[in-house]
Amino acid sequence: MSTKTKPASTKNAPAKGIKSGKAAPKKATPAKATKGKPSPAKSTPKTPTPAPVATESKRPQPPKPGNTCAQVWALADQYKTRGEVLRVGGELGINKHTLSTQFARWRSHHGIVGRATVSA
């Protein structure tokens, strides 16, 4: 008959791999070299650069056909104003936030900036 015996208590014993007593000293980090870069105090003031103009590659791409976003883009092609797109899209059951976001992307894709002008 074999009987199992419990090992000696390890409550106060240090964990494996950790030495009792002092903590390990921290390694010193070398100072970062500024190879040929002027210090901030000596740098020349920068002139403000103009905002970049959206190019073809930076503009949002049209959505894939057959989904809700493509449906909003089709409405935007047809109606041209945000109010009409929101009204008609709402009647079709499209979320108003999706309508607003996709109309803004449609405008950006077509390079439309600023307010729309309505001629009387």
C-alpha atoms as a PDB file:
ATOM      1  CA  MET A   1       0.000   0.000   0.000  1.00  0.00           C
ATOM      2  CA  SER A   2       1.426   3.351  -0.956  1.00  0.00           C
ATOM      3  CA  THR A   3       0.651   6.490   0.887  1.00  0.00           C
ATOM      4  CA  LYS A   4       1.186   9.931  -0.532  1.00  0.00           C
ATOM      5  CA  THR A   5       3.058  12.401   1.550  1.00  0.00           C
ATOM      6  CA  LYS A   6       2.801  16.113   1.198  1.00  0.00           C
ATOM      7  CA  PRO A   7       5.985  18.037   0.391  1.00  0.00           C
ATOM      8  CA  ALA A   8       7.406  20.450   2.917  1.00  0.00           C
ATOM      9  CA  SER A   9       5.663  23.804   3.137  1.00  0.00           C
ATOM     10  CA  THR A  10       6.872  26.394   0.613  1.00  0.00           C
ATOM     11  CA  LYS A  11       4.927  29.336   1.951  1.00  0.00           C
ATOM     12  CA  ASN A  12       7.900  31.494   2.872  1.00  0.00           C
ATOM     13  CA  ALA A  13      10.365  30.114   0.336  1.00  0.00           C
ATOM     14  CA  PRO A  14      11.355  32.447  -2.536  1.00  0.00           C
ATOM     15  CA  ALA A  15      10.027  31.673  -6.024  1.00  0.00           C
ATOM     16  CA  LYS A  16      12.277  29.743  -8.356  1.00  0.00           C
ATOM     17  CA  GLY A  17      14.780  31.898 -10.206  1.00  0.00           C
ATOM     18  CA  ILE A  18      14.494  34.820  -7.768  1.00  0.00           C
ATOM     19  CA  LYS A  19      17.294  35.426  -5.329  1.00  0.00           C
ATOM     20  CA  SER A  20      16.306  36.633  -1.951  1.00  0.00           C
ATOM     21  CA  GLY A  21      17.629  39.971  -0.853  1.00  0.00           C
ATOM     22  CA  LYS A  22      18.557  42.872  -3.113  1.00  0.00           C
ATOM     23  CA  ALA A  23      16.915  43.557  -6.468  1.00  0.00           C
ATOM     24  CA  ALA A  24      18.991  43.325  -9.621  1.00  0.00           C
ATOM     25  CA  PRO A  25      20.651  46.616 -10.603  1.00  0.00           C
ATOM     26  CA  LYS A  26      19.153  48.429 -13.574  1.00  0.00           C
ATOM     27  CA  LYS A  27      21.196  48.667 -16.735  1.00  0.00           C
ATOM     28  CA  ALA A  28      22.324  52.125 -17.713  1.00  0.00           C
ATOM     29  CA  THR A  29      20.869  53.342 -21.003  1.00  0.00           C
ATOM     30  CA  PRO A  30      23.227  55.126 -23.372  1.00  0.00           C
ATOM     31  CA  ALA A  31      22.420  58.724 -24.284  1.00  0.00           C
ATOM     32  CA  LYS A  32      20.822  59.140 -27.697  1.00  0.00           C
ATOM     33  CA  ALA A  33      23.121  60.672 -30.225  1.00  0.00           C
ATOM     34  CA  THR A  34      21.866  63.489 -32.429  1.00  0.00           C
ATOM     35  CA  LYS A  35      23.912  62.824 -35.522  1.00  0.00           C
ATOM     36  CA  GLY A  36      24.135  66.154 -37.282  1.00  0.00           C
ATOM     37  CA  LYS A  37      20.741  67.343 -36.071  1.00  0.00           C
ATOM     38  CA  PRO A  38      20.639  70.890 -34.713  1.00  0.00           C
ATOM     39  CA  SER A  39      19.269  71.419 -31.256  1.00  0.00           C
ATOM     40  CA  PRO A  40      15.712  72.784 -31.073  1.00  0.00           C
ATOM     41  CA  ALA A  41      16.946  76.173 -29.822  1.00  0.00           C
ATOM     42  CA  LYS A  42      19.147  76.676 -32.913  1.00  0.00           C
ATOM     43  CA  SER A  43      16.641  75.521 -35.549  1.00  0.00           C
ATOM     44  CA  THR A  44      15.217  78.019 -37.998  1.00  0.00           C
ATOM     45  CA  PRO A  45      11.504  78.834 -37.746  1.00  0.00           C
ATOM     46  CA  LYS A  46       9.350  76.773 -40.094  1.00  0.00           C
ATOM     47  CA  THR A  47       6.994  78.442 -42.509  1.00  0.00           C
ATOM     48  CA  PRO A  48       3.455  77.061 -42.482  1.00  0.00           C
ATOM     49  CA  THR A  49       2.754  74.696 -45.343  1.00  0.00           C
ATOM     50  CA  PRO A  50      -0.556  74.866 -47.190  1.00  0.00           C
ATOM     51  CA  ALA A  51      -3.085  72.105 -46.625  1.00  0.00           C
ATOM     52  CA  PRO A  52      -2.641  69.246 -49.072  1.00  0.00           C
ATOM     53  CA  VAL A  53      -5.152  68.988 -51.882  1.00  0.00           C
ATOM     54  CA  ALA A  54      -6.916  65.645 -52.186  1.00  0.00           C
ATOM     55  CA  THR A  55      -5.620  63.754 -55.170  1.00  0.00           C
ATOM     56  CA  GLU A  56      -7.297  60.903 -56.962  1.00  0.00           C
ATOM     57  CA  SER A  57      -5.543  58.331 -54.769  1.00  0.00           C
ATOM     58  CA  LYS A  58      -6.432  60.152 -51.522  1.00  0.00           C
ATOM     59  CA  ARG A  59     -10.131  60.506 -52.264  1.00  0.00           C
ATOM     60  CA  PRO A  60     -12.595  57.905 -50.996  1.00  0.00           C
ATOM     61  CA  GLN A  61     -13.258  55.122 -53.466  1.00  0.00           C
ATOM     62  CA  PRO A  62     -16.825  54.293 -54.505  1.00  0.00           C
ATOM     63  CA  PRO A  63     -18.421  51.421 -52.577  1.00  0.00           C
ATOM     64  CA  LYS A  64     -18.920  47.980 -54.080  1.00  0.00           C
ATOM     65  CA  PRO A  65     -22.229  47.647 -55.921  1.00  0.00           C
ATOM     66  CA  GLY A  66     -25.168  46.017 -54.206  1.00  0.00           C
ATOM     67  CA  ASN A  67     -24.800  47.293 -50.638  1.00  0.00           C
ATOM     68  CA  THR A  68     -26.377  50.108 -48.649  1.00  0.00           C
ATOM     69  CA  CYS A  69     -23.461  52.485 -49.206  1.00  0.00           C
ATOM     70  CA  ALA A  70     -23.721  52.057 -52.979  1.00  0.00           C
ATOM     71  CA  GLN A  71     -27.437  52.775 -52.689  1.00  0.00           C
ATOM     72  CA  VAL A  72     -26.667  56.078 -50.916  1.00  0.00           C
ATOM     73  CA  TRP A  73     -24.120  57.016 -53.602  1.00  0.00           C
ATOM     74  CA  ALA A  74     -26.757  56.344 -56.269  1.00  0.00           C
ATOM     75  CA  LEU A  75     -29.185  58.620 -54.405  1.00  0.00           C
ATOM     76  CA  ALA A  76     -26.486  61.304 -54.205  1.00  0.00           C
ATOM     77  CA  ASP A  77     -25.900  61.026 -57.970  1.00  0.00           C
ATOM     78  CA  GLN A  78     -29.609  61.471 -58.543  1.00  0.00           C
ATOM     79  CA  TYR A  79     -30.573  64.172 -56.022  1.00  0.00           C
ATOM     80  CA  LYS A  80     -27.325  66.159 -55.415  1.00  0.00           C
ATOM     81  CA  THR A  81     -28.385  67.841 -52.136  1.00  0.00           C
ATOM     82  CA  ARG A  82     -27.912  66.484 -48.645  1.00  0.00           C
ATOM     83  CA  GLY A  83     -31.478  67.245 -47.574  1.00  0.00           C
ATOM     84  CA  GLU A  84     -33.009  65.339 -50.466  1.00  0.00           C
ATOM     85  CA  VAL A  85     -30.673  62.376 -49.988  1.00  0.00           C
ATOM     86  CA  LEU A  86     -31.503  62.224 -46.255  1.00  0.00           C
ATOM     87  CA  ARG A  87     -35.241  62.491 -46.940  1.00  0.00           C
ATOM     88  CA  VAL A  88     -35.399  59.845 -49.681  1.00  0.00           C
ATOM     89  CA  GLY A  89     -32.934  57.538 -47.926  1.00  0.00           C
ATOM     90  CA  GLY A  90     -34.937  57.790 -44.713  1.00  0.00           C
ATOM     91  CA  GLU A  91     -38.066  56.792 -46.614  1.00  0.00           C
ATOM     92  CA  LEU A  92     -36.166  53.740 -47.902  1.00  0.00           C
ATOM     93  CA  GLY A  93     -35.240  52.780 -44.321  1.00  0.00           C
ATOM     94  CA  ILE A  94     -31.527  53.622 -44.492  1.00  0.00           C
ATOM     95  CA  ASN A  95     -29.910  54.760 -41.236  1.00  0.00           C
ATOM     96  CA  LYS A  96     -29.550  58.558 -41.128  1.00  0.00           C
ATOM     97  CA  HIS A  97     -25.914  58.326 -39.980  1.00  0.00           C
ATOM     98  CA  THR A  98     -25.044  56.063 -42.908  1.00  0.00           C
ATOM     99  CA  LEU A  99     -26.758  58.522 -45.237  1.00  0.00           C
ATOM    100  CA  SER A 100     -24.848  61.486 -43.834  1.00  0.00           C
ATOM    101  CA  THR A 101     -21.468  59.724 -43.839  1.00  0.00           C
ATOM    102  CA  GLN A 102     -21.792  58.315 -47.332  1.00  0.00           C
ATOM    103  CA  PHE A 103     -23.029  61.638 -48.720  1.00  0.00           C
ATOM    104  CA  ALA A 104     -19.918  63.317 -47.282  1.00  0.00           C
ATOM    105  CA  ARG A 105     -17.711  60.623 -48.869  1.00  0.00           C
ATOM    106  CA  TRP A 106     -19.537  61.032 -52.172  1.00  0.00           C
ATOM    107  CA  ARG A 107     -18.871  64.793 -52.080  1.00  0.00           C
ATOM    108  CA  SER A 108     -15.208  64.259 -51.250  1.00  0.00           C
ATOM    109  CA  HIS A 109     -14.816  61.690 -54.027  1.00  0.00           C
ATOM    110  CA  HIS A 110     -16.216  64.137 -56.576  1.00  0.00           C
ATOM    111  CA  GLY A 111     -14.085  67.017 -55.260  1.00  0.00           C
ATOM    112  CA  ILE A 112     -17.025  69.061 -54.002  1.00  0.00           C
ATOM    113  CA  VAL A 113     -15.963  71.444 -51.226  1.00  0.00           C
ATOM    114  CA  GLY A 114     -17.747  74.207 -49.370  1.00  0.00           C
ATOM    115  CA  ARG A 115     -21.437  74.963 -49.355  1.00  0.00           C
ATOM    116  CA  ALA A 116     -23.749  74.146 -52.184  1.00  0.00           C
ATOM    117  CA  THR A 117     -25.187  77.156 -53.959  1.00  0.00           C
ATOM    118  CA  VAL A 118     -28.798  77.067 -55.016  1.00  0.00           C
ATOM    119  CA  SER A 119     -29.725  79.139 -58.016  1.00  0.00           C
ATOM    120  CA  ALA A 120     -33.184  80.723 -58.010  1.00  0.00           C
END
